[in-house]
């Protein structure tokens, strides 16, 4: 049986730390030296291990820093793309109803005023922290869409309903005060900020909308502005 090399063991351990959520999702690795000291290995070994994670698309390089790749860590992106979650997440639907489009929703979804919209509200949590969710989602779908009772979120089911067509996301991210529902479900303090992500999705002639409120330490910002990423990191620290 082949023996594991030091860099292979280090890569395996770093991967486990990332995907077992011992590190924030928006972790940035800035110092190979600190990792080398922590594991009592050479910087060359650290570099080989990090290259392994680069090759597996778990990390990417940005301004000489190793950054966790949002393609691999962002639950919303993974749902959208049909990629299995890196960590098994529990989702719970808290609200499901048909509503009529007001002026704002009609414009966002490119439908007529008063048209029917399906609204799903659901939250995500980790298996060992089922009663402390980290993300609350509002999903607005034109027409009447009935999500089945499966282990897949309404977002993922709707994306599959669109036959995995190419879906383009337009995203706006900002730090905001938590809504009353986030204060209740996420236990987010009213005096702390959450990451509010508003995503409009285009698929052929169909538009749908997802608004998410995310506890900052779990937030991975897809194509982040430096200001938001800096603020989120500061909030985590």
Protein backbone atom coordinates (compact mmCIF):
# COMPACT_ATOMS: atom_id res chain seq x y z
CA UNK A 1 0.00 0.00 0.00
CA UNK A 2 1.40 3.39 -1.02
CA UNK A 3 2.28 5.83 1.75
CA UNK A 4 0.75 9.28 1.77
CA UNK A 5 3.15 12.12 1.06
CA UNK A 6 3.22 15.08 3.47
CA UNK A 7 1.71 17.46 0.94
CA UNK A 8 -1.10 14.99 0.17
CA UNK A 9 -1.93 14.65 3.87
CA UNK A 10 -1.84 18.41 4.29
CA UNK A 11 -4.12 18.96 1.28
CA UNK A 12 -6.54 16.37 2.66
CA UNK A 13 -6.60 18.04 6.08
CA UNK A 14 -7.06 21.53 4.66
CA UNK A 15 -9.91 20.25 2.51
CA UNK A 16 -11.57 18.64 5.53
CA UNK A 17 -11.24 21.87 7.50
CA UNK A 18 -12.85 23.85 4.71
CA UNK A 19 -15.78 21.53 4.05
CA UNK A 20 -16.48 20.65 7.67
CA UNK A 21 -17.11 24.37 8.21
CA UNK A 22 -14.32 24.82 10.73
CA UNK A 23 -13.27 27.78 8.62
CA UNK A 24 -15.53 30.61 7.36
CA UNK A 25 -16.72 30.12 3.78
CA UNK A 26 -15.04 33.36 2.73
CA UNK A 27 -11.63 32.40 4.12
CA UNK A 28 -8.62 33.99 2.44
CA UNK A 29 -5.22 32.31 2.89
CA UNK A 30 -2.58 35.03 2.92
CA UNK A 31 0.43 33.30 4.50
CA UNK A 32 2.06 30.02 3.49
CA UNK A 33 4.50 30.56 6.37
CA UNK A 34 1.76 30.44 9.03
CA UNK A 35 0.43 27.17 7.64
CA UNK A 36 3.95 25.73 7.57
CA UNK A 37 4.45 26.68 11.22
CA UNK A 38 1.06 25.34 12.23
CA UNK A 39 1.71 21.92 10.66
CA UNK A 40 5.49 21.84 11.20
CA UNK A 41 6.23 21.33 7.51
CA UNK A 42 8.24 23.22 4.91
CA UNK A 43 6.76 26.02 2.83
CA UNK A 44 7.42 23.90 -0.25
CA UNK A 45 5.12 21.21 1.20
CA UNK A 46 2.48 23.86 1.88
CA UNK A 47 2.79 25.15 -1.68
CA UNK A 48 2.32 21.65 -3.11
CA UNK A 49 -0.76 21.10 -0.92
CA UNK A 50 -2.28 24.42 -1.96
CA UNK A 51 -1.54 23.63 -5.62
CA UNK A 52 -3.55 20.42 -5.16
CA UNK A 53 -6.51 22.48 -3.92
CA UNK A 54 -6.03 24.89 -6.83
CA UNK A 55 -6.11 21.98 -9.30
CA UNK A 56 -9.31 20.69 -7.68
CA UNK A 57 -10.87 24.17 -7.98
CA UNK A 58 -11.36 24.38 -4.22
CA UNK A 59 -9.16 27.49 -4.13
CA UNK A 60 -8.24 30.12 -6.68
CA UNK A 61 -5.49 32.74 -6.73
CA UNK A 62 -6.32 36.42 -6.43
CA UNK A 63 -3.59 39.05 -5.95
CA UNK A 64 -1.20 36.39 -4.61
CA UNK A 65 -3.81 35.22 -2.08
CA UNK A 66 -5.53 31.83 -1.99
CA UNK A 67 -9.29 32.33 -1.86
CA UNK A 68 -11.99 29.72 -1.37
CA UNK A 69 -13.69 29.25 -4.72
CA UNK A 70 -17.36 30.33 -4.53
CA UNK A 71 -18.21 27.82 -7.25
CA UNK A 72 -17.48 25.10 -4.69
CA UNK A 73 -18.80 26.67 -1.52
CA UNK A 74 -21.80 28.83 -2.38
CA UNK A 75 -25.04 26.85 -1.69
CA UNK A 76 -27.05 29.09 -4.04
CA UNK A 77 -24.63 28.59 -6.94
CA UNK A 78 -24.54 24.83 -6.32
CA UNK A 79 -28.35 24.68 -6.35
CA UNK A 80 -28.48 26.72 -9.53
CA UNK A 81 -25.92 24.48 -11.25
CA UNK A 82 -27.21 21.16 -9.96
CA UNK A 83 -23.93 20.45 -8.14
CA UNK A 84 -24.28 18.36 -4.94
CA UNK A 85 -23.64 20.41 -1.83
CA UNK A 86 -20.13 19.99 -0.43
CA UNK A 87 -21.72 19.71 3.01
CA UNK A 88 -25.16 18.16 3.39
CA UNK A 89 -27.52 21.00 4.26
CA UNK A 90 -30.97 20.85 5.79
CA UNK A 91 -33.62 23.10 4.31
CA UNK A 92 -36.98 23.87 5.86
CA UNK A 93 -39.87 25.59 4.10
CA UNK A 94 -41.42 28.16 6.41
CA UNK A 95 -43.93 29.65 3.98
CA UNK A 96 -45.46 28.77 0.59
CA UNK A 97 -48.24 30.73 -1.06
CA UNK A 98 -49.57 32.26 -4.28
CA UNK A 99 -49.41 36.04 -4.42
CA UNK A 100 -50.21 38.71 -7.00
CA UNK A 101 -47.44 40.70 -8.62
CA UNK A 102 -47.15 44.26 -7.39
CA UNK A 103 -45.46 46.93 -9.49
CA UNK A 104 -41.94 46.11 -8.23
CA UNK A 105 -42.24 42.33 -8.69
CA UNK A 106 -43.94 42.72 -12.08
CA UNK A 107 -40.97 44.79 -13.27
CA UNK A 108 -38.36 42.43 -11.79
CA UNK A 109 -40.00 39.31 -13.26
CA UNK A 110 -41.10 40.93 -16.55
CA UNK A 111 -44.74 39.99 -16.02
CA UNK A 112 -48.01 41.95 -15.83
CA UNK A 113 -49.31 43.68 -12.73
CA UNK A 114 -51.54 41.27 -10.80
CA UNK A 115 -50.13 38.08 -12.39
CA UNK A 116 -49.81 35.09 -10.07
CA UNK A 117 -46.44 34.42 -8.43
CA UNK A 118 -45.40 31.45 -6.31
CA UNK A 119 -43.49 32.50 -3.20
CA UNK A 120 -41.38 30.01 -1.27
CA UNK A 121 -39.65 31.04 1.93
CA UNK A 122 -37.12 28.54 3.24
CA UNK A 123 -34.01 28.48 5.38
CA UNK A 124 -30.81 26.46 5.36
CA UNK A 125 -29.00 24.95 8.32
CA UNK A 126 -26.20 22.48 9.01
CA UNK A 127 -26.98 18.94 10.27
CA UNK A 128 -25.54 19.53 13.74
CA UNK A 129 -27.11 22.98 13.99
CA UNK A 130 -30.54 22.26 12.54
CA UNK A 131 -32.28 24.79 14.74
CA UNK A 132 -29.79 27.60 14.06
CA UNK A 133 -30.13 28.37 10.32
CA UNK A 134 -27.55 30.52 8.55
CA UNK A 135 -29.49 31.56 5.43
CA UNK A 136 -33.08 32.66 4.82
CA UNK A 137 -34.39 32.70 1.23
CA UNK A 138 -37.36 34.24 -0.56
CA UNK A 139 -37.91 32.60 -3.96
CA UNK A 140 -40.36 34.26 -6.38
CA UNK A 141 -41.45 32.16 -9.38
CA UNK A 142 -43.90 33.36 -12.09
CA UNK A 143 -47.10 31.29 -12.18
CA UNK A 144 -48.06 28.35 -9.99
CA UNK A 145 -45.09 26.09 -9.19
CA UNK A 146 -45.53 23.21 -6.77
CA UNK A 147 -42.31 22.03 -5.15
CA UNK A 148 -42.23 18.33 -4.33
CA UNK A 149 -41.34 17.06 -0.88
CA UNK A 150 -37.78 15.98 -1.59
CA UNK A 151 -34.34 16.67 -0.17
CA UNK A 152 -33.80 19.33 -2.85
CA UNK A 153 -34.58 23.00 -2.30
CA UNK A 154 -37.38 24.73 -4.25
CA UNK A 155 -34.66 26.69 -6.11
CA UNK A 156 -32.95 23.52 -7.30
CA UNK A 157 -36.28 21.90 -8.23
CA UNK A 158 -37.29 24.93 -10.25
CA UNK A 159 -33.94 24.99 -12.06
CA UNK A 160 -34.47 21.30 -12.91
CA UNK A 161 -38.01 22.17 -14.05
CA UNK A 162 -36.37 24.47 -16.60
CA UNK A 163 -34.58 21.38 -17.97
CA UNK A 164 -31.15 22.63 -16.89
CA UNK A 165 -31.25 25.39 -19.51
CA UNK A 166 -28.61 28.08 -19.39
CA UNK A 167 -29.51 30.42 -16.55
CA UNK A 168 -27.88 33.83 -16.19
CA UNK A 169 -27.74 35.46 -12.76
CA UNK A 170 -27.68 39.20 -12.14
CA UNK A 171 -26.68 39.73 -8.54
CA UNK A 172 -26.68 42.59 -6.08
CA UNK A 173 -25.00 42.14 -2.70
CA UNK A 174 -24.92 44.49 0.26
CA UNK A 175 -24.65 44.50 4.01
CA UNK A 176 -28.05 45.24 5.55
CA UNK A 177 -29.96 45.12 8.79
CA UNK A 178 -31.74 41.76 9.20
CA UNK A 179 -35.47 41.55 8.53
CA UNK A 180 -37.79 40.50 11.35
CA UNK A 181 -37.91 36.98 9.89
CA UNK A 182 -34.12 36.75 9.84
CA UNK A 183 -34.01 38.00 13.40
CA UNK A 184 -36.42 35.20 14.31
CA UNK A 185 -35.17 32.28 12.19
CA UNK A 186 -31.47 33.13 11.97
CA UNK A 187 -31.33 34.62 15.45
CA UNK A 188 -29.59 37.57 13.81
CA UNK A 189 -29.19 40.47 16.27
CA UNK A 190 -31.01 43.60 15.13
CA UNK A 191 -27.86 45.68 15.66
CA UNK A 192 -25.70 43.41 13.46
CA UNK A 193 -25.54 43.29 9.68
CA UNK A 194 -26.40 40.34 7.45
CA UNK A 195 -25.38 39.84 3.84
CA UNK A 196 -28.41 40.56 1.66
CA UNK A 197 -28.14 39.02 -1.79
CA UNK A 198 -30.71 39.80 -4.48
CA UNK A 199 -30.42 37.59 -7.56
CA UNK A 200 -32.50 37.92 -10.71
CA UNK A 201 -32.24 34.86 -12.95
CA UNK A 202 -32.88 34.86 -16.71
CA UNK A 203 -33.66 31.66 -18.60
CA UNK A 204 -34.88 32.19 -22.17
CA UNK A 205 -38.13 34.17 -21.68
CA UNK A 206 -38.44 33.30 -17.99
CA UNK A 207 -37.27 35.36 -15.03
CA UNK A 208 -37.29 34.39 -11.37
CA UNK A 209 -36.03 36.09 -8.25
CA UNK A 210 -34.20 34.99 -5.11
CA UNK A 211 -33.60 37.25 -2.12
CA UNK A 212 -31.32 35.80 0.56
CA UNK A 213 -30.29 37.01 3.98
CA UNK A 214 -27.13 35.25 5.12
CA UNK A 215 -25.19 35.31 8.37
CA UNK A 216 -21.93 36.98 7.36
CA UNK A 217 -19.49 34.24 8.36
CA UNK A 218 -21.28 31.80 6.02
CA UNK A 219 -21.48 34.21 3.11
CA UNK A 220 -19.56 33.55 -0.07
CA UNK A 221 -19.93 36.50 -2.39
CA UNK A 222 -19.97 35.50 -6.05
CA UNK A 223 -17.87 38.04 -8.01
CA UNK A 224 -17.55 40.21 -4.90
CA UNK A 225 -16.79 43.88 -4.83
CA UNK A 226 -13.69 44.46 -2.76
CA UNK A 227 -15.63 46.73 -0.41
CA UNK A 228 -18.28 44.13 0.41
CA UNK A 229 -15.71 41.34 0.78
CA UNK A 230 -13.61 43.52 3.06
CA UNK A 231 -16.65 44.43 5.18
CA UNK A 232 -17.79 40.81 5.43
CA UNK A 233 -14.33 39.68 6.49
CA UNK A 234 -14.20 42.44 9.09
CA UNK A 235 -17.61 41.38 10.38
CA UNK A 236 -16.46 37.78 10.74
CA UNK A 237 -13.34 38.76 12.62
